[in-house]
Amino acid sequence: MKVSLQLIPEQPAAELLDAIEAADRLGYYACYGADEIYHKDTWLLFAAAAARTERLRLGACAAPVFLRDPAQIAQLVATLDELSGGRAELVLGIGNLATLDQYAIAWRGTRPLARLREAHHVIRTMLDAGALDHAGEFFHYSGITTAARPAQERVPIKLGAMGGPRSMELAGEIADGLLTACAYSPQALSYAVEHVSAGARRAGRAAADLDIGDSVLGSIAPDRDVARRAARVLAAFYIPSMPPALLARHGIAATTTAAVNDAFAAGDVSAALAATPDHVADRLLVAGTPDDWLAWLKDTYSPTGMNHALVSFTDPYTLQAWAGLEIPGLPGLIDQVQLMGEHVLPRLQ
């Protein structure tokens, strides 16, 4: 199983680069970074990280097709691929739906998956040929060329999807894999695998050849209780972004989280955290000691058919920035990257 580091890049840039360098040294497969306005720019961070790493693959996750022009995305990933000596990847998605609403982008009823399919075609063409003539439903280009050329023969393009099922099936049909998010229960994990596999079968492809992974929020620490208390806080922040069907796959009724959503919508973080019961948050995280992580990855995660885990750590900086909280004994970002790299990754192989 591949294990990668997933960054929500808000920490000081020097700390983020040190964490990426540690992941490279410790044998992580890749580092992915959220491509959203709320955080620091993933593309610039990875351009800097390319010179400080040797084997780690680097990829935005997920580049939003409603906010970034597909030809520009191709230019960005080709440039990153050259800088990294052929280690770039791309995860493509519709984008954070709350962000689209904040940008006043009317995406509902606009066939977003058709847009995603066409954007994938545009990027694949631009990366492979360096030139583009395209008259589609959503994008139009005439005689576009770029000097940005990838170093590797074929840059992997994966799709990001959370709710499914059609977006997951689209990944199986056209992409090099699916990277989903906020899936922790066997039911939620298996659901993603089943639907990406169904899309692959329809296209005459082998699902076993695809990269199928999940972005897993959590925390790792020598003290299990410290790790779980920290991860529970950030788990609450992800509840409003989870579709009701995804919550249901974790055994969580939408009525249970209504008060959480209302409090976040009103900007009252303290009330949102108070409204999130521990037993609900515990279903939306993986947290504990290295032994706890190893057991979950081997006994729960891998049997569902997932072959790639993207781990995102709750660290003291993020806890303070998001919730104004401090949990004594919680390791920093680089220390958590190191705990996973030294005590979990070697035992997974």
Protein backbone atom coordinates (compact mmCIF):
# COMPACT_ATOMS: atom_id res chain seq x y z
CA MET A 1 0.00 0.00 0.00
CA LYS A 2 1.19 3.50 -0.82
CA VAL A 3 1.08 6.14 1.93
CA SER A 4 1.29 9.84 1.11
CA LEU A 5 1.28 13.07 3.06
CA GLN A 6 -1.75 15.34 2.49
CA LEU A 7 -1.16 18.96 3.44
CA ILE A 8 -3.64 21.66 4.32
CA PRO A 9 -0.89 24.25 3.82
CA GLU A 10 -1.36 26.91 6.49
CA GLN A 11 1.73 26.48 8.66
CA PRO A 12 4.77 28.73 8.09
CA ALA A 13 6.24 27.99 4.68
CA ALA A 14 9.57 26.90 6.18
CA GLU A 15 7.77 24.30 8.33
CA LEU A 16 5.76 23.01 5.38
CA LEU A 17 8.91 22.59 3.29
CA ASP A 18 10.66 20.80 6.17
CA ALA A 19 7.68 18.44 6.46
CA ILE A 20 7.78 17.70 2.73
CA GLU A 21 11.52 17.06 2.92
CA ALA A 22 10.97 14.70 5.87
CA ALA A 23 8.30 12.80 3.92
CA ASP A 24 10.76 12.41 1.05
CA ARG A 25 13.44 11.07 3.37
CA LEU A 26 11.10 8.69 5.22
CA GLY A 27 9.65 6.89 2.21
CA TYR A 28 6.21 8.43 1.70
CA TYR A 29 4.96 7.91 -1.85
CA ALA A 30 3.86 11.48 -2.52
CA CYS A 31 2.85 14.78 -1.01
CA TYR A 32 -0.47 16.31 -2.04
CA GLY A 33 -1.64 19.80 -1.14
CA ALA A 34 -5.06 21.40 -1.06
CA ASP A 35 -5.51 23.81 -3.98
CA GLU A 36 -7.88 26.28 -2.32
CA ILE A 37 -7.85 30.03 -1.68
CA TYR A 38 -8.07 29.54 2.09
CA HIS A 39 -4.55 28.16 2.37
CA LYS A 40 -1.07 28.94 1.09
CA ASP A 41 -0.45 28.31 -2.59
CA THR A 42 0.27 24.63 -3.14
CA TRP A 43 1.85 25.12 -6.57
CA LEU A 44 4.43 27.61 -5.28
CA LEU A 45 5.22 25.44 -2.26
CA PHE A 46 5.77 22.41 -4.48
CA ALA A 47 7.97 24.40 -6.85
CA ALA A 48 10.19 25.21 -3.87
CA ALA A 49 9.96 21.62 -2.55
CA ALA A 50 11.02 20.14 -5.90
CA ALA A 51 14.60 21.31 -5.35
CA ARG A 52 14.70 19.93 -1.80
CA THR A 53 13.38 16.42 -2.55
CA GLU A 54 14.61 13.48 -4.60
CA ARG A 55 11.90 10.82 -4.95
CA LEU A 56 8.65 12.17 -3.48
CA ARG A 57 5.89 12.77 -6.00
CA LEU A 58 4.10 16.13 -5.78
CA GLY A 59 0.52 16.99 -6.69
CA ALA A 60 -2.27 19.49 -6.17
CA CYS A 61 -5.34 17.80 -4.69
CA ALA A 62 -7.62 18.82 -6.13
CA ALA A 63 -7.18 21.49 -8.81
CA PRO A 64 -10.68 23.02 -9.25
CA VAL A 65 -11.99 23.16 -12.83
CA PHE A 66 -14.51 25.88 -12.05
CA LEU A 67 -11.78 28.22 -10.77
CA ARG A 68 -8.73 27.30 -12.86
CA ASP A 69 -8.63 27.14 -16.63
CA PRO A 70 -7.70 23.58 -17.71
CA ALA A 71 -5.00 24.76 -20.13
CA GLN A 72 -3.44 26.76 -17.30
CA ILE A 73 -3.58 23.70 -15.03
CA ALA A 74 -1.70 21.75 -17.71
CA GLN A 75 0.92 24.50 -17.86
CA LEU A 76 1.31 24.45 -14.07
CA VAL A 77 1.69 20.69 -13.76
CA ALA A 78 4.09 20.48 -16.74
CA THR A 79 6.30 23.15 -15.18
CA LEU A 80 6.24 21.38 -11.81
CA ASP A 81 7.11 18.14 -13.56
CA GLU A 82 10.19 19.72 -15.14
CA LEU A 83 11.27 21.29 -11.85
CA SER A 84 10.91 17.96 -10.02
CA GLY A 85 12.54 15.83 -12.69
CA GLY A 86 9.34 13.96 -13.56
CA ARG A 87 7.60 13.64 -10.17
CA ALA A 88 4.44 15.68 -10.68
CA GLU A 89 0.90 14.35 -10.45
CA LEU A 90 -2.47 16.03 -10.79
CA VAL A 91 -5.70 15.45 -8.95
CA LEU A 92 -8.57 17.20 -10.71
CA GLY A 93 -11.93 18.05 -9.20
CA ILE A 94 -15.01 20.22 -9.41
CA GLY A 95 -13.78 22.17 -6.41
CA ASN A 96 -14.92 22.90 -2.89
CA LEU A 97 -18.65 23.56 -3.32
CA ALA A 98 -18.74 26.06 -0.45
CA THR A 99 -15.93 27.97 -2.15
CA LEU A 100 -17.84 28.09 -5.42
CA ASP A 101 -20.78 29.58 -3.58
CA GLN A 102 -18.49 32.19 -2.01
CA TYR A 103 -17.25 33.07 -5.50
CA ALA A 104 -20.89 33.37 -6.64
CA ILE A 105 -20.31 30.64 -9.23
CA ALA A 106 -23.61 29.05 -10.21
CA TRP A 107 -22.53 25.43 -10.55
CA ARG A 108 -25.82 23.72 -9.72
CA GLY A 109 -27.61 22.49 -12.82
CA THR A 110 -24.60 23.21 -15.04
CA ARG A 111 -23.57 19.57 -15.57
CA PRO A 112 -20.40 19.81 -13.44
CA LEU A 113 -19.31 16.23 -14.19
CA ALA A 114 -19.50 16.93 -17.92
CA ARG A 115 -17.26 19.96 -17.29
CA LEU A 116 -14.86 17.76 -15.32
CA ARG A 117 -14.74 15.18 -18.11
CA GLU A 118 -14.01 17.84 -20.72
CA ALA A 119 -11.38 19.52 -18.53
CA HIS A 120 -9.63 16.17 -18.14
CA HIS A 121 -9.55 15.80 -21.93
CA VAL A 122 -8.13 19.31 -22.36
CA ILE A 123 -5.38 18.76 -19.78
CA ARG A 124 -4.47 15.32 -21.10
CA THR A 125 -4.20 16.72 -24.62
CA MET A 126 -2.16 19.74 -23.55
CA LEU A 127 0.25 17.64 -21.49
CA ASP A 128 0.72 15.01 -24.18
CA ALA A 129 0.92 17.30 -27.22
CA GLY A 130 1.85 20.76 -25.94
CA ALA A 131 -0.75 22.28 -28.26
CA LEU A 132 -4.51 22.57 -28.24
CA ASP A 133 -7.39 23.15 -30.60
CA HIS A 134 -10.67 22.42 -28.89
CA ALA A 135 -14.27 23.49 -29.33
CA GLY A 136 -16.29 21.89 -26.56
CA GLU A 137 -19.34 22.56 -24.49
CA PHE A 138 -17.44 24.35 -21.74
CA PHE A 139 -14.00 25.22 -23.08
CA HIS A 140 -12.77 26.67 -26.38
CA TYR A 141 -9.17 27.04 -27.56
CA SER A 142 -7.69 27.83 -30.95
CA GLY A 143 -4.01 27.31 -31.67
CA ILE A 144 -2.91 27.31 -28.01
CA THR A 145 0.67 26.19 -27.40
CA THR A 146 2.98 26.14 -24.39
CA ALA A 147 6.71 25.80 -23.78
CA ALA A 148 5.92 24.00 -20.52
CA ARG A 149 6.65 20.34 -21.23
CA PRO A 150 6.63 17.53 -18.64
CA ALA A 151 9.74 15.46 -17.99
CA GLN A 152 7.91 12.16 -17.54
CA GLU A 153 6.34 10.47 -20.52
CA ARG A 154 2.83 10.56 -19.06
CA VAL A 155 1.82 12.69 -16.08
CA PRO A 156 -0.82 10.85 -14.01
CA ILE A 157 -4.18 12.62 -13.81
CA LYS A 158 -6.51 11.40 -11.09
CA LEU A 159 -9.94 12.63 -10.10
CA GLY A 160 -11.00 13.78 -6.67
CA ALA A 161 -14.53 12.95 -5.52
CA MET A 162 -16.34 12.84 -2.20
CA GLY A 163 -20.04 12.11 -2.53
CA GLY A 164 -20.31 9.90 -5.59
CA PRO A 165 -21.35 7.72 -7.18
CA ARG A 166 -21.13 9.28 -10.66
CA SER A 167 -17.92 11.22 -10.01
CA MET A 168 -16.27 8.05 -8.70
CA GLU A 169 -17.39 6.08 -11.72
CA LEU A 170 -16.06 8.82 -13.99
CA ALA A 171 -12.64 8.42 -12.35
CA GLY A 172 -12.68 4.71 -13.11
CA GLU A 173 -13.71 5.39 -16.69
CA ILE A 174 -11.21 8.10 -17.76
CA ALA A 175 -8.58 8.82 -15.11
CA ASP A 176 -5.50 7.20 -13.62
CA GLY A 177 -7.23 6.80 -10.30
CA LEU A 178 -9.59 8.17 -7.69
CA LEU A 179 -8.63 10.05 -4.54
CA THR A 180 -11.67 10.48 -2.33
CA ALA A 181 -11.96 12.17 1.06
CA CYS A 182 -13.67 11.85 4.42
CA ALA A 183 -14.14 8.08 4.18
CA TYR A 184 -13.36 6.15 7.36
CA SER A 185 -15.94 3.41 7.79
CA PRO A 186 -15.66 0.15 5.84
CA GLN A 187 -18.96 1.02 4.16
CA ALA A 188 -17.76 4.43 2.96
CA LEU A 189 -14.42 3.07 1.78
CA SER A 190 -15.96 0.09 -0.02
CA TYR A 191 -18.54 2.36 -1.66
CA ALA A 192 -15.78 4.38 -3.32
CA VAL A 193 -13.91 1.27 -4.46
CA GLU A 194 -17.06 -0.33 -5.85
CA HIS A 195 -18.02 2.70 -7.92
CA VAL A 196 -14.58 3.46 -9.34
CA SER A 197 -14.38 -0.23 -10.25
CA ALA A 198 -17.78 -0.06 -11.95
CA GLY A 199 -16.61 2.87 -14.07
CA ALA A 200 -13.45 1.02 -15.01
CA ARG A 201 -15.40 -2.08 -16.08
CA ARG A 202 -17.69 -0.03 -18.31
CA ALA A 203 -14.64 1.39 -20.06
CA GLY A 204 -12.96 -2.00 -20.41
CA ARG A 205 -10.24 -1.08 -17.93
CA ALA A 206 -8.81 -2.99 -14.98
CA ALA A 207 -9.56 -1.34 -11.63
CA ALA A 208 -6.47 -3.06 -10.21
CA ASP A 209 -4.34 -0.80 -12.41
CA LEU A 210 -5.81 2.37 -10.89
CA ASP A 211 -4.63 4.39 -7.91
CA ILE A 212 -7.53 4.27 -5.42
CA GLY A 213 -7.00 6.28 -2.28
CA ASP A 214 -8.61 8.32 0.46
CA SER A 215 -7.56 11.48 2.26
CA VAL A 216 -7.64 10.53 5.93
CA LEU A 217 -7.77 13.20 8.62
CA GLY A 218 -6.23 12.24 11.93
CA SER A 219 -3.39 12.55 14.37
CA ILE A 220 -0.56 10.34 15.53
CA ALA A 221 1.14 10.61 18.92
CA PRO A 222 2.73 8.43 21.59
CA ASP A 223 -0.33 9.20 23.77
CA ARG A 224 -3.54 7.79 22.22
CA ASP A 225 -5.82 10.12 24.18
CA VAL A 226 -3.92 13.23 23.10
CA ALA A 227 -4.12 12.20 19.45
CA ARG A 228 -7.85 11.49 19.60
CA ARG A 229 -8.74 14.71 21.42
CA ALA A 230 -6.86 16.74 18.83
CA ALA A 231 -8.31 14.97 15.80
CA ARG A 232 -11.87 15.25 17.14
CA VAL A 233 -11.62 19.04 16.92
CA LEU A 234 -10.72 19.10 13.24
CA ALA A 235 -13.17 16.32 12.43
CA ALA A 236 -16.00 18.67 13.41
CA PHE A 237 -14.87 21.21 10.80
CA TYR A 238 -15.39 18.68 8.01
CA ILE A 239 -18.98 17.78 8.89
CA PRO A 240 -20.57 20.67 6.90
CA SER A 241 -18.71 19.62 3.74
CA MET A 242 -19.95 16.02 3.88
CA PRO A 243 -23.08 15.16 1.87
CA PRO A 244 -25.85 13.47 3.88
CA ALA A 245 -25.31 10.19 2.01
CA LEU A 246 -21.63 10.17 3.02
CA LEU A 247 -22.53 10.85 6.65
CA ALA A 248 -25.01 7.97 6.45
CA ARG A 249 -22.22 5.64 5.30
CA HIS A 250 -20.62 6.39 8.66
CA GLY A 251 -23.82 5.73 10.59
CA ILE A 252 -24.43 9.45 11.21
CA ALA A 253 -27.89 10.90 10.65
CA ALA A 254 -28.12 14.36 9.14
CA THR A 255 -30.32 15.42 12.07
CA THR A 256 -27.42 14.65 14.40
CA THR A 257 -25.20 17.22 12.71
CA ALA A 258 -27.77 19.96 12.04
CA ALA A 259 -26.72 21.98 15.07
CA VAL A 260 -23.06 21.69 14.05
CA ASN A 261 -23.81 22.99 10.56
CA ASP A 262 -25.93 25.84 11.89
CA ALA A 263 -23.23 26.96 14.30
CA PHE A 264 -20.51 26.92 11.66
CA ALA A 265 -22.79 28.81 9.25
CA ALA A 266 -23.21 31.47 11.95
CA GLY A 267 -19.45 31.65 12.45
CA ASP A 268 -19.65 30.32 16.02
CA VAL A 269 -16.80 27.81 16.16
CA SER A 270 -17.11 27.20 19.90
CA ALA A 271 -20.79 26.33 19.58
CA ALA A 272 -20.07 24.05 16.60
CA LEU A 273 -17.43 22.15 18.55
CA ALA A 274 -19.70 21.89 21.58
CA ALA A 275 -22.48 20.52 19.36
CA THR A 276 -20.25 17.74 17.96
CA PRO A 277 -20.51 14.66 20.20
CA ASP A 278 -17.29 12.69 20.63
CA HIS A 279 -18.93 9.53 19.30
CA VAL A 280 -19.78 11.35 16.05
CA ALA A 281 -16.32 12.88 15.63
CA ASP A 282 -14.74 9.50 16.37
CA ARG A 283 -16.36 8.08 13.23
CA LEU A 284 -14.66 10.75 11.11
CA LEU A 285 -11.02 10.37 12.06
CA VAL A 286 -8.15 7.98 12.53
CA ALA A 287 -6.08 8.85 15.57
CA GLY A 288 -3.88 7.21 18.13
CA THR A 289 -0.48 5.63 18.49
CA PRO A 290 1.56 4.17 15.64
CA ASP A 291 0.16 0.74 16.58
CA ASP A 292 -3.39 2.10 16.28
CA TRP A 293 -2.69 3.49 12.82
CA LEU A 294 -1.04 0.29 11.67
CA ALA A 295 -3.98 -1.82 12.83
CA TRP A 296 -6.53 0.44 11.09
CA LEU A 297 -4.62 0.55 7.82
CA LYS A 298 -4.11 -3.23 7.75
CA ASP A 299 -7.40 -4.48 9.21
CA THR A 300 -9.95 -1.86 8.09
CA TYR A 301 -8.54 0.16 5.22
CA SER A 302 -6.68 -2.29 2.99
CA PRO A 303 -9.39 -5.02 2.94
CA THR A 304 -11.82 -2.58 1.27
CA GLY A 305 -9.63 -2.49 -1.86
CA MET A 306 -8.01 0.86 -1.21
CA ASN A 307 -4.36 0.80 -2.29
CA HIS A 308 -3.27 4.31 -1.31
CA ALA A 309 -3.72 6.29 1.92
CA LEU A 310 -3.27 10.07 2.09
CA VAL A 311 -2.70 11.08 5.71
CA SER A 312 -3.45 14.58 6.96
CA PHE A 313 -2.28 15.38 10.48
CA THR A 314 -3.91 17.59 13.11
CA ASP A 315 -1.00 19.57 14.51
CA PRO A 316 -0.77 22.31 17.19
CA TYR A 317 -0.59 25.11 14.61
CA THR A 318 -3.81 24.05 12.89
CA LEU A 319 -5.62 23.52 16.19
CA GLN A 320 -4.73 27.04 17.30
CA ALA A 321 -5.51 28.64 13.94
CA TRP A 322 -8.85 26.91 13.41
CA ALA A 323 -10.21 26.59 16.93
CA GLY A 324 -8.01 28.63 19.24
CA LEU A 325 -7.20 25.49 21.22
CA GLU A 326 -4.06 23.91 22.61
CA ILE A 327 -3.68 20.26 23.59
CA PRO A 328 -0.54 19.65 25.66
CA GLY A 329 1.63 16.82 24.41
CA LEU A 330 0.45 16.95 20.79
CA PRO A 331 3.43 16.52 18.44
CA GLY A 332 4.08 19.12 15.76
CA LEU A 333 3.57 18.51 12.06
CA ILE A 334 7.11 17.35 11.33
CA ASP A 335 7.15 15.10 14.41
CA GLN A 336 3.89 13.44 13.26
CA VAL A 337 5.29 12.97 9.75
CA GLN A 338 8.29 11.33 11.37
CA LEU A 339 6.25 9.09 13.70
CA MET A 340 4.27 7.74 10.75
CA GLY A 341 7.37 7.39 8.59
CA GLU A 342 9.49 5.61 11.17
CA HIS A 343 6.94 3.46 13.02
CA VAL A 344 4.13 2.71 10.57
CA LEU A 345 5.36 2.79 6.97
CA PRO A 346 8.12 0.14 7.37
CA ARG A 347 5.62 -2.27 8.99
CA LEU A 348 3.08 -1.88 6.19
CA GLN A 349 5.42 -3.25 3.55
